[in-house]
N, C-alpha and C. Protein backbone atom coordinates (compact mmCIF):
# COMPACT_ATOMS: atom_id res chain seq x y z
N MET A 1 0.80 -21.85 -86.20
CA MET A 1 -0.56 -21.37 -85.98
C MET A 1 -0.54 -20.26 -84.93
N ALA A 2 -1.20 -19.17 -85.23
CA ALA A 2 -1.23 -18.01 -84.33
C ALA A 2 -2.05 -18.31 -83.08
N ARG A 3 -1.60 -17.78 -81.94
CA ARG A 3 -2.39 -17.86 -80.71
C ARG A 3 -3.61 -16.97 -80.87
N ARG A 4 -4.69 -17.38 -80.22
CA ARG A 4 -5.95 -16.64 -80.33
C ARG A 4 -6.49 -16.31 -78.95
N SER A 5 -7.02 -15.10 -78.81
CA SER A 5 -7.71 -14.67 -77.60
C SER A 5 -9.07 -14.13 -77.99
N ALA A 6 -9.99 -14.20 -77.04
CA ALA A 6 -11.31 -13.61 -77.24
C ALA A 6 -11.66 -12.82 -75.99
N GLY A 7 -12.32 -11.69 -76.20
CA GLY A 7 -12.65 -10.86 -75.06
C GLY A 7 -13.86 -9.98 -75.30
N ILE A 8 -14.22 -9.26 -74.25
CA ILE A 8 -15.41 -8.41 -74.28
C ILE A 8 -15.03 -6.99 -73.87
N LEU A 9 -15.45 -6.05 -74.69
CA LEU A 9 -15.29 -4.64 -74.39
C LEU A 9 -16.65 -4.15 -73.89
N VAL A 10 -16.75 -3.98 -72.58
CA VAL A 10 -18.00 -3.55 -71.96
C VAL A 10 -18.08 -2.02 -72.03
N TYR A 11 -19.27 -1.51 -72.32
CA TYR A 11 -19.46 -0.07 -72.38
C TYR A 11 -20.73 0.31 -71.63
N ARG A 12 -20.79 1.58 -71.24
CA ARG A 12 -21.98 2.13 -70.59
C ARG A 12 -22.09 3.61 -70.96
N SER A 13 -23.29 4.14 -70.86
CA SER A 13 -23.51 5.57 -71.07
C SER A 13 -23.56 6.25 -69.72
N GLN A 14 -22.83 7.33 -69.60
CA GLN A 14 -22.84 8.18 -68.41
C GLN A 14 -23.28 9.56 -68.88
N GLY A 15 -24.59 9.74 -68.93
CA GLY A 15 -25.11 10.98 -69.52
C GLY A 15 -24.77 10.99 -70.99
N PRO A 16 -24.20 12.08 -71.48
CA PRO A 16 -23.85 12.13 -72.90
C PRO A 16 -22.54 11.41 -73.23
N ARG A 17 -21.82 10.97 -72.19
CA ARG A 17 -20.52 10.32 -72.41
C ARG A 17 -20.66 8.80 -72.48
N LEU A 18 -19.79 8.22 -73.27
CA LEU A 18 -19.68 6.78 -73.34
C LEU A 18 -18.42 6.38 -72.57
N GLU A 19 -18.51 5.35 -71.76
CA GLU A 19 -17.35 4.84 -71.03
C GLU A 19 -17.16 3.36 -71.35
N VAL A 20 -15.89 2.93 -71.32
CA VAL A 20 -15.56 1.52 -71.55
C VAL A 20 -14.81 0.99 -70.34
N LEU A 21 -14.96 -0.29 -70.11
CA LEU A 21 -14.31 -0.97 -69.00
C LEU A 21 -13.05 -1.66 -69.51
N LEU A 22 -11.91 -1.32 -68.90
CA LEU A 22 -10.64 -1.95 -69.25
C LEU A 22 -10.04 -2.57 -67.99
N GLY A 23 -9.23 -3.62 -68.19
CA GLY A 23 -8.55 -4.27 -67.09
C GLY A 23 -7.06 -4.04 -67.15
N HIS A 24 -6.45 -3.91 -65.97
CA HIS A 24 -5.00 -3.74 -65.86
C HIS A 24 -4.40 -5.08 -65.48
N PRO A 25 -3.42 -5.58 -66.24
CA PRO A 25 -2.86 -6.89 -65.93
C PRO A 25 -2.12 -6.91 -64.60
N GLY A 26 -2.31 -7.99 -63.86
CA GLY A 26 -1.64 -8.13 -62.57
C GLY A 26 -0.24 -8.69 -62.73
N GLY A 27 0.46 -8.74 -61.63
CA GLY A 27 1.81 -9.29 -61.63
C GLY A 27 2.88 -8.23 -61.68
N PRO A 28 4.10 -8.63 -61.40
CA PRO A 28 5.20 -7.67 -61.26
C PRO A 28 5.62 -6.98 -62.56
N PHE A 29 5.40 -7.62 -63.71
CA PHE A 29 5.85 -7.01 -64.96
C PHE A 29 5.04 -5.78 -65.33
N TRP A 30 3.80 -5.71 -64.86
CA TRP A 30 2.90 -4.62 -65.22
C TRP A 30 2.67 -3.64 -64.07
N SER A 31 3.20 -3.90 -62.90
CA SER A 31 2.85 -3.13 -61.71
C SER A 31 3.12 -1.64 -61.83
N ARG A 32 4.12 -1.24 -62.57
CA ARG A 32 4.46 0.18 -62.68
C ARG A 32 4.04 0.79 -64.01
N ARG A 33 3.35 0.01 -64.83
CA ARG A 33 2.93 0.52 -66.13
C ARG A 33 1.46 0.92 -66.10
N ASP A 34 1.15 2.02 -66.76
CA ASP A 34 -0.22 2.49 -66.81
C ASP A 34 -0.61 2.82 -68.26
N GLN A 35 0.03 3.81 -68.85
CA GLN A 35 -0.26 4.16 -70.23
C GLN A 35 0.08 2.98 -71.13
N ARG A 36 -0.84 2.65 -72.04
CA ARG A 36 -0.65 1.58 -73.02
C ARG A 36 -0.50 0.19 -72.38
N ALA A 37 -1.02 0.03 -71.17
CA ALA A 37 -0.91 -1.26 -70.48
C ALA A 37 -2.26 -1.94 -70.26
N TRP A 38 -3.36 -1.20 -70.35
CA TRP A 38 -4.69 -1.74 -70.08
C TRP A 38 -5.20 -2.51 -71.28
N SER A 39 -6.19 -3.37 -71.04
CA SER A 39 -6.66 -4.27 -72.08
C SER A 39 -8.16 -4.50 -71.97
N ILE A 40 -8.76 -4.94 -73.08
CA ILE A 40 -10.10 -5.48 -72.96
C ILE A 40 -9.97 -6.75 -72.12
N LEU A 41 -11.03 -7.19 -71.51
CA LEU A 41 -10.98 -8.39 -70.66
C LEU A 41 -11.07 -9.60 -71.57
N LYS A 42 -9.97 -10.34 -71.66
CA LYS A 42 -9.86 -11.39 -72.67
C LYS A 42 -8.95 -12.51 -72.18
N GLY A 43 -8.92 -13.59 -72.95
CA GLY A 43 -8.01 -14.68 -72.67
C GLY A 43 -7.92 -15.62 -73.85
N GLU A 44 -6.92 -16.48 -73.81
CA GLU A 44 -6.69 -17.40 -74.92
C GLU A 44 -7.75 -18.50 -74.95
N TYR A 45 -7.96 -19.03 -76.14
CA TYR A 45 -8.87 -20.16 -76.30
C TYR A 45 -8.28 -21.15 -77.29
N ALA A 46 -8.77 -22.38 -77.20
CA ALA A 46 -8.23 -23.47 -78.01
C ALA A 46 -8.83 -23.48 -79.41
N GLU A 47 -8.08 -24.04 -80.34
CA GLU A 47 -8.57 -24.20 -81.70
C GLU A 47 -9.87 -25.02 -81.66
N GLY A 48 -10.85 -24.57 -82.40
CA GLY A 48 -12.13 -25.27 -82.44
C GLY A 48 -13.12 -24.80 -81.39
N GLU A 49 -12.65 -24.03 -80.40
CA GLU A 49 -13.55 -23.51 -79.38
C GLU A 49 -14.29 -22.29 -79.92
N ASP A 50 -15.54 -22.11 -79.54
CA ASP A 50 -16.33 -20.97 -79.96
C ASP A 50 -15.78 -19.70 -79.32
N PRO A 51 -15.39 -18.70 -80.12
CA PRO A 51 -14.79 -17.49 -79.54
C PRO A 51 -15.74 -16.74 -78.60
N GLU A 52 -17.03 -16.71 -78.90
CA GLU A 52 -17.96 -15.99 -78.02
C GLU A 52 -18.06 -16.68 -76.67
N ALA A 53 -18.12 -18.01 -76.67
CA ALA A 53 -18.16 -18.74 -75.40
C ALA A 53 -16.87 -18.52 -74.62
N ALA A 54 -15.73 -18.50 -75.33
CA ALA A 54 -14.44 -18.25 -74.68
C ALA A 54 -14.40 -16.84 -74.10
N ALA A 55 -14.92 -15.87 -74.83
CA ALA A 55 -14.93 -14.48 -74.35
C ALA A 55 -15.74 -14.37 -73.06
N ARG A 56 -16.90 -15.02 -73.02
CA ARG A 56 -17.73 -14.99 -71.81
C ARG A 56 -17.01 -15.66 -70.64
N ARG A 57 -16.39 -16.81 -70.90
CA ARG A 57 -15.67 -17.53 -69.85
C ARG A 57 -14.52 -16.70 -69.31
N GLU A 58 -13.71 -16.15 -70.20
CA GLU A 58 -12.55 -15.37 -69.78
C GLU A 58 -12.97 -14.12 -69.03
N PHE A 59 -14.04 -13.47 -69.48
CA PHE A 59 -14.53 -12.29 -68.78
C PHE A 59 -14.90 -12.66 -67.34
N ALA A 60 -15.61 -13.76 -67.17
CA ALA A 60 -16.02 -14.20 -65.83
C ALA A 60 -14.81 -14.56 -64.97
N GLU A 61 -13.83 -15.26 -65.55
CA GLU A 61 -12.65 -15.66 -64.80
C GLU A 61 -11.83 -14.45 -64.35
N GLU A 62 -11.72 -13.45 -65.21
CA GLU A 62 -10.87 -12.31 -64.91
C GLU A 62 -11.54 -11.26 -64.04
N THR A 63 -12.87 -11.31 -63.92
CA THR A 63 -13.57 -10.27 -63.17
C THR A 63 -14.43 -10.79 -62.02
N GLY A 64 -14.92 -12.03 -62.14
CA GLY A 64 -15.89 -12.54 -61.18
C GLY A 64 -17.31 -12.14 -61.54
N TRP A 65 -17.49 -11.45 -62.65
CA TRP A 65 -18.81 -11.00 -63.10
C TRP A 65 -19.24 -11.84 -64.30
N SER A 66 -20.54 -12.03 -64.47
CA SER A 66 -21.01 -12.75 -65.65
C SER A 66 -21.86 -11.83 -66.51
N LEU A 67 -21.77 -12.05 -67.79
CA LEU A 67 -22.56 -11.31 -68.77
C LEU A 67 -23.53 -12.29 -69.41
N THR A 68 -24.81 -12.01 -69.29
CA THR A 68 -25.80 -12.91 -69.87
C THR A 68 -26.47 -12.31 -71.09
N GLY A 69 -26.33 -11.00 -71.28
CA GLY A 69 -26.97 -10.32 -72.41
C GLY A 69 -26.25 -10.60 -73.72
N PRO A 70 -26.80 -10.06 -74.80
CA PRO A 70 -26.21 -10.28 -76.12
C PRO A 70 -24.86 -9.60 -76.28
N LEU A 71 -24.02 -10.20 -77.09
CA LEU A 71 -22.72 -9.62 -77.43
C LEU A 71 -22.76 -9.18 -78.89
N GLU A 72 -22.12 -8.06 -79.17
CA GLU A 72 -22.07 -7.53 -80.52
C GLU A 72 -20.65 -7.69 -81.06
N PRO A 73 -20.46 -8.40 -82.17
CA PRO A 73 -19.11 -8.65 -82.69
C PRO A 73 -18.39 -7.36 -83.09
N LEU A 74 -17.12 -7.28 -82.69
CA LEU A 74 -16.25 -6.17 -83.10
C LEU A 74 -15.16 -6.65 -84.04
N GLY A 75 -15.17 -7.94 -84.39
CA GLY A 75 -14.20 -8.48 -85.33
C GLY A 75 -12.90 -8.91 -84.68
N GLU A 76 -11.89 -9.07 -85.53
CA GLU A 76 -10.57 -9.54 -85.09
C GLU A 76 -9.52 -8.48 -85.37
N ILE A 77 -8.48 -8.51 -84.55
CA ILE A 77 -7.29 -7.69 -84.78
C ILE A 77 -6.08 -8.58 -84.52
N ARG A 78 -5.11 -8.52 -85.43
CA ARG A 78 -3.84 -9.23 -85.22
C ARG A 78 -2.90 -8.25 -84.54
N GLN A 79 -2.47 -8.60 -83.33
CA GLN A 79 -1.55 -7.74 -82.59
C GLN A 79 -0.14 -7.90 -83.13
N ARG A 80 0.73 -6.97 -82.76
CA ARG A 80 2.10 -6.94 -83.27
C ARG A 80 2.83 -8.26 -83.05
N GLY A 81 2.60 -8.92 -81.93
CA GLY A 81 3.26 -10.19 -81.64
C GLY A 81 2.68 -11.37 -82.39
N GLY A 82 1.61 -11.13 -83.18
CA GLY A 82 1.01 -12.19 -83.98
C GLY A 82 -0.27 -12.78 -83.41
N LYS A 83 -0.55 -12.52 -82.13
CA LYS A 83 -1.78 -13.04 -81.54
C LYS A 83 -2.99 -12.39 -82.20
N ILE A 84 -4.01 -13.21 -82.47
CA ILE A 84 -5.26 -12.72 -83.05
C ILE A 84 -6.27 -12.59 -81.92
N VAL A 85 -6.81 -11.39 -81.76
CA VAL A 85 -7.80 -11.11 -80.72
C VAL A 85 -9.16 -10.90 -81.37
N THR A 86 -10.14 -11.66 -80.93
CA THR A 86 -11.52 -11.50 -81.36
C THR A 86 -12.25 -10.80 -80.22
N ALA A 87 -12.97 -9.72 -80.54
CA ALA A 87 -13.64 -8.96 -79.49
C ALA A 87 -15.13 -8.82 -79.76
N TYR A 88 -15.84 -8.68 -78.66
CA TYR A 88 -17.28 -8.45 -78.67
C TYR A 88 -17.56 -7.26 -77.77
N ALA A 89 -18.65 -6.55 -78.05
CA ALA A 89 -19.07 -5.44 -77.22
C ALA A 89 -20.33 -5.84 -76.46
N ALA A 90 -20.46 -5.31 -75.24
CA ALA A 90 -21.65 -5.55 -74.43
C ALA A 90 -21.93 -4.32 -73.61
N CYS A 91 -23.20 -3.93 -73.57
CA CYS A 91 -23.62 -2.81 -72.73
C CYS A 91 -23.95 -3.38 -71.36
N ALA A 92 -23.24 -2.92 -70.34
CA ALA A 92 -23.43 -3.41 -68.97
C ALA A 92 -22.80 -2.41 -68.01
N ASP A 93 -23.04 -2.62 -66.73
CA ASP A 93 -22.46 -1.75 -65.72
C ASP A 93 -22.01 -2.61 -64.55
N PHE A 94 -20.79 -2.41 -64.11
CA PHE A 94 -20.24 -3.16 -62.99
C PHE A 94 -19.58 -2.20 -62.01
N ASP A 95 -19.63 -2.55 -60.75
CA ASP A 95 -18.92 -1.81 -59.71
C ASP A 95 -17.51 -2.36 -59.67
N THR A 96 -16.54 -1.57 -60.08
CA THR A 96 -15.17 -2.06 -60.19
C THR A 96 -14.58 -2.46 -58.83
N ALA A 97 -15.16 -1.99 -57.74
CA ALA A 97 -14.68 -2.38 -56.40
C ALA A 97 -14.97 -3.84 -56.10
N THR A 98 -15.84 -4.47 -56.90
CA THR A 98 -16.19 -5.88 -56.66
C THR A 98 -15.40 -6.84 -57.55
N LEU A 99 -14.40 -6.34 -58.26
CA LEU A 99 -13.57 -7.18 -59.13
C LEU A 99 -13.00 -8.35 -58.33
N SER A 100 -13.06 -9.54 -58.90
CA SER A 100 -12.52 -10.74 -58.27
C SER A 100 -11.88 -11.61 -59.36
N SER A 101 -10.60 -11.39 -59.60
CA SER A 101 -9.90 -12.06 -60.69
C SER A 101 -9.31 -13.40 -60.25
N ASN A 102 -9.20 -14.31 -61.24
CA ASN A 102 -8.45 -15.53 -60.98
C ASN A 102 -6.97 -15.17 -60.86
N THR A 103 -6.15 -16.13 -60.48
CA THR A 103 -4.73 -15.85 -60.23
C THR A 103 -3.83 -16.75 -61.07
N PHE A 104 -2.57 -16.37 -61.13
CA PHE A 104 -1.55 -17.21 -61.76
C PHE A 104 -0.34 -17.22 -60.82
N GLU A 105 0.49 -18.24 -60.98
CA GLU A 105 1.68 -18.35 -60.14
C GLU A 105 2.92 -18.08 -60.96
N LEU A 106 3.90 -17.46 -60.30
CA LEU A 106 5.13 -17.06 -60.96
C LEU A 106 6.26 -17.10 -59.95
N GLU A 107 7.42 -17.59 -60.38
CA GLU A 107 8.59 -17.50 -59.51
C GLU A 107 8.98 -16.04 -59.43
N TRP A 108 8.91 -15.48 -58.22
CA TRP A 108 9.23 -14.07 -58.06
C TRP A 108 9.83 -13.82 -56.70
N PRO A 109 10.94 -13.10 -56.64
CA PRO A 109 11.73 -12.60 -57.77
C PRO A 109 12.40 -13.75 -58.53
N PRO A 110 12.77 -13.48 -59.78
CA PRO A 110 13.40 -14.52 -60.59
C PRO A 110 14.63 -15.12 -59.89
N GLY A 111 14.73 -16.43 -59.94
CA GLY A 111 15.86 -17.13 -59.34
C GLY A 111 15.75 -17.31 -57.84
N SER A 112 14.64 -16.91 -57.25
CA SER A 112 14.49 -17.00 -55.79
C SER A 112 13.98 -18.36 -55.32
N ASN A 113 13.50 -19.18 -56.27
CA ASN A 113 12.87 -20.45 -55.94
C ASN A 113 11.62 -20.26 -55.07
N ARG A 114 11.05 -19.05 -55.08
CA ARG A 114 9.80 -18.77 -54.37
C ARG A 114 8.72 -18.50 -55.41
N THR A 115 7.61 -19.17 -55.24
CA THR A 115 6.48 -18.96 -56.13
C THR A 115 5.47 -18.06 -55.44
N GLN A 116 5.03 -17.04 -56.16
CA GLN A 116 4.01 -16.15 -55.63
C GLN A 116 2.79 -16.18 -56.53
N SER A 117 1.66 -15.88 -55.96
CA SER A 117 0.40 -15.85 -56.68
C SER A 117 0.02 -14.39 -56.95
N PHE A 118 -0.42 -14.12 -58.19
CA PHE A 118 -0.80 -12.77 -58.60
C PHE A 118 -2.15 -12.83 -59.30
N PRO A 119 -2.97 -11.79 -59.17
CA PRO A 119 -4.23 -11.76 -59.91
C PRO A 119 -3.96 -11.52 -61.40
N GLU A 120 -4.75 -12.17 -62.26
CA GLU A 120 -4.59 -11.92 -63.69
C GLU A 120 -4.90 -10.46 -64.02
N ILE A 121 -5.92 -9.93 -63.38
CA ILE A 121 -6.30 -8.52 -63.53
C ILE A 121 -6.26 -7.92 -62.14
N ASP A 122 -5.41 -6.92 -61.91
CA ASP A 122 -5.32 -6.36 -60.55
C ASP A 122 -6.30 -5.23 -60.31
N ARG A 123 -6.84 -4.66 -61.39
CA ARG A 123 -7.89 -3.66 -61.23
C ARG A 123 -8.59 -3.46 -62.57
N ALA A 124 -9.82 -2.98 -62.49
CA ALA A 124 -10.59 -2.62 -63.67
C ALA A 124 -11.13 -1.22 -63.43
N GLU A 125 -11.20 -0.45 -64.51
CA GLU A 125 -11.70 0.93 -64.37
C GLU A 125 -12.49 1.31 -65.61
N TRP A 126 -13.39 2.27 -65.40
CA TRP A 126 -14.16 2.86 -66.48
C TRP A 126 -13.41 4.07 -67.02
N PHE A 127 -13.33 4.17 -68.36
CA PHE A 127 -12.67 5.28 -69.02
C PHE A 127 -13.55 5.81 -70.14
N THR A 128 -13.48 7.11 -70.39
CA THR A 128 -14.10 7.65 -71.60
C THR A 128 -13.33 7.05 -72.78
N LEU A 129 -13.90 7.13 -73.97
CA LEU A 129 -13.19 6.62 -75.14
C LEU A 129 -11.85 7.33 -75.33
N GLU A 130 -11.81 8.62 -75.08
CA GLU A 130 -10.56 9.38 -75.21
C GLU A 130 -9.51 8.89 -74.21
N GLU A 131 -9.92 8.74 -72.96
CA GLU A 131 -8.99 8.24 -71.93
C GLU A 131 -8.54 6.82 -72.26
N ALA A 132 -9.48 5.98 -72.69
CA ALA A 132 -9.16 4.59 -73.01
C ALA A 132 -8.14 4.52 -74.14
N GLY A 133 -8.22 5.44 -75.08
CA GLY A 133 -7.27 5.47 -76.18
C GLY A 133 -5.83 5.67 -75.72
N LEU A 134 -5.65 6.31 -74.57
CA LEU A 134 -4.32 6.52 -74.00
C LEU A 134 -3.89 5.35 -73.13
N LYS A 135 -4.83 4.60 -72.61
CA LYS A 135 -4.54 3.52 -71.66
C LYS A 135 -4.37 2.15 -72.31
N ILE A 136 -5.15 1.88 -73.36
CA ILE A 136 -5.21 0.53 -73.94
C ILE A 136 -3.92 0.18 -74.67
N VAL A 137 -3.56 -1.11 -74.66
CA VAL A 137 -2.39 -1.54 -75.41
C VAL A 137 -2.62 -1.20 -76.89
N PRO A 138 -1.60 -0.72 -77.58
CA PRO A 138 -1.79 -0.24 -78.95
C PRO A 138 -2.46 -1.24 -79.89
N GLY A 139 -2.17 -2.51 -79.72
CA GLY A 139 -2.73 -3.52 -80.61
C GLY A 139 -4.22 -3.72 -80.49
N GLN A 140 -4.84 -3.14 -79.46
CA GLN A 140 -6.28 -3.29 -79.28
C GLN A 140 -7.04 -1.98 -79.48
N ALA A 141 -6.35 -0.90 -79.75
CA ALA A 141 -7.00 0.41 -79.89
C ALA A 141 -8.06 0.41 -80.99
N GLY A 142 -7.88 -0.38 -82.00
CA GLY A 142 -8.86 -0.46 -83.09
C GLY A 142 -10.24 -0.88 -82.62
N PHE A 143 -10.31 -1.63 -81.53
CA PHE A 143 -11.62 -2.04 -81.01
C PHE A 143 -12.39 -0.83 -80.47
N LEU A 144 -11.70 0.15 -79.93
CA LEU A 144 -12.36 1.37 -79.46
C LEU A 144 -13.00 2.11 -80.63
N ASP A 145 -12.27 2.21 -81.74
CA ASP A 145 -12.79 2.87 -82.94
C ASP A 145 -14.00 2.12 -83.48
N ARG A 146 -13.92 0.79 -83.50
CA ARG A 146 -15.04 -0.01 -84.00
C ARG A 146 -16.27 0.14 -83.10
N LEU A 147 -16.05 0.19 -81.81
CA LEU A 147 -17.16 0.37 -80.88
C LEU A 147 -17.82 1.73 -81.11
N ALA A 148 -17.02 2.77 -81.24
CA ALA A 148 -17.55 4.12 -81.43
C ALA A 148 -18.32 4.24 -82.76
N ALA A 149 -17.89 3.51 -83.77
CA ALA A 149 -18.51 3.58 -85.09
C ALA A 149 -19.68 2.61 -85.23
N GLY A 150 -19.76 1.63 -84.35
CA GLY A 150 -20.75 0.57 -84.51
C GLY A 150 -21.81 0.53 -83.44
N PRO A 151 -21.73 -0.45 -82.54
CA PRO A 151 -22.82 -0.74 -81.62
C PRO A 151 -23.29 0.44 -80.78
N CYS A 152 -22.41 1.35 -80.45
CA CYS A 152 -22.82 2.40 -79.52
C CYS A 152 -22.70 3.79 -80.13
N ALA A 153 -22.63 3.89 -81.44
CA ALA A 153 -22.42 5.19 -82.08
C ALA A 153 -23.47 6.22 -81.66
N SER A 154 -24.68 5.79 -81.41
CA SER A 154 -25.73 6.74 -81.04
C SER A 154 -25.89 6.90 -79.53
N ARG A 155 -25.07 6.23 -78.74
CA ARG A 155 -25.21 6.25 -77.29
C ARG A 155 -24.31 7.27 -76.60
N GLY A 156 -23.42 7.88 -77.28
CA GLY A 156 -22.50 8.83 -76.64
C GLY A 156 -21.47 9.30 -77.62
N SER A 157 -20.55 10.10 -77.15
CA SER A 157 -19.49 10.58 -78.04
C SER A 157 -18.15 10.46 -77.39
């Protein structure tokens, strides 16, 4: 059975431009990566769990922000590794300086017998759709196209 994640692609209008919010994964494996490393704010959920509820929970855990407004479905994408990601779009605005992510523990450096704590998301930033296309992990780029063609097509370019 494939692993499943659900997440939210938040967007806002900045004049004639549309911007999306992406998160950069925390921890040592991602610390030096930028291009093709950013992601929609998402997380795994259990079989039988409602994907929209999971997307809201994961968004709150990874950012410290809550979304109470409606979510617009963007469908599913199967990533190269086999994980199925279900995404939703939401129009909202957040101050990225207030990001407060949950953490995970990892033995680091490997073999050191020392456990360190790292944020799941070390930063979040707003990007134009063009910029986001260069930043987002390739397996999620389709959500940017769906957003541009769907919920926010008339809100920016």
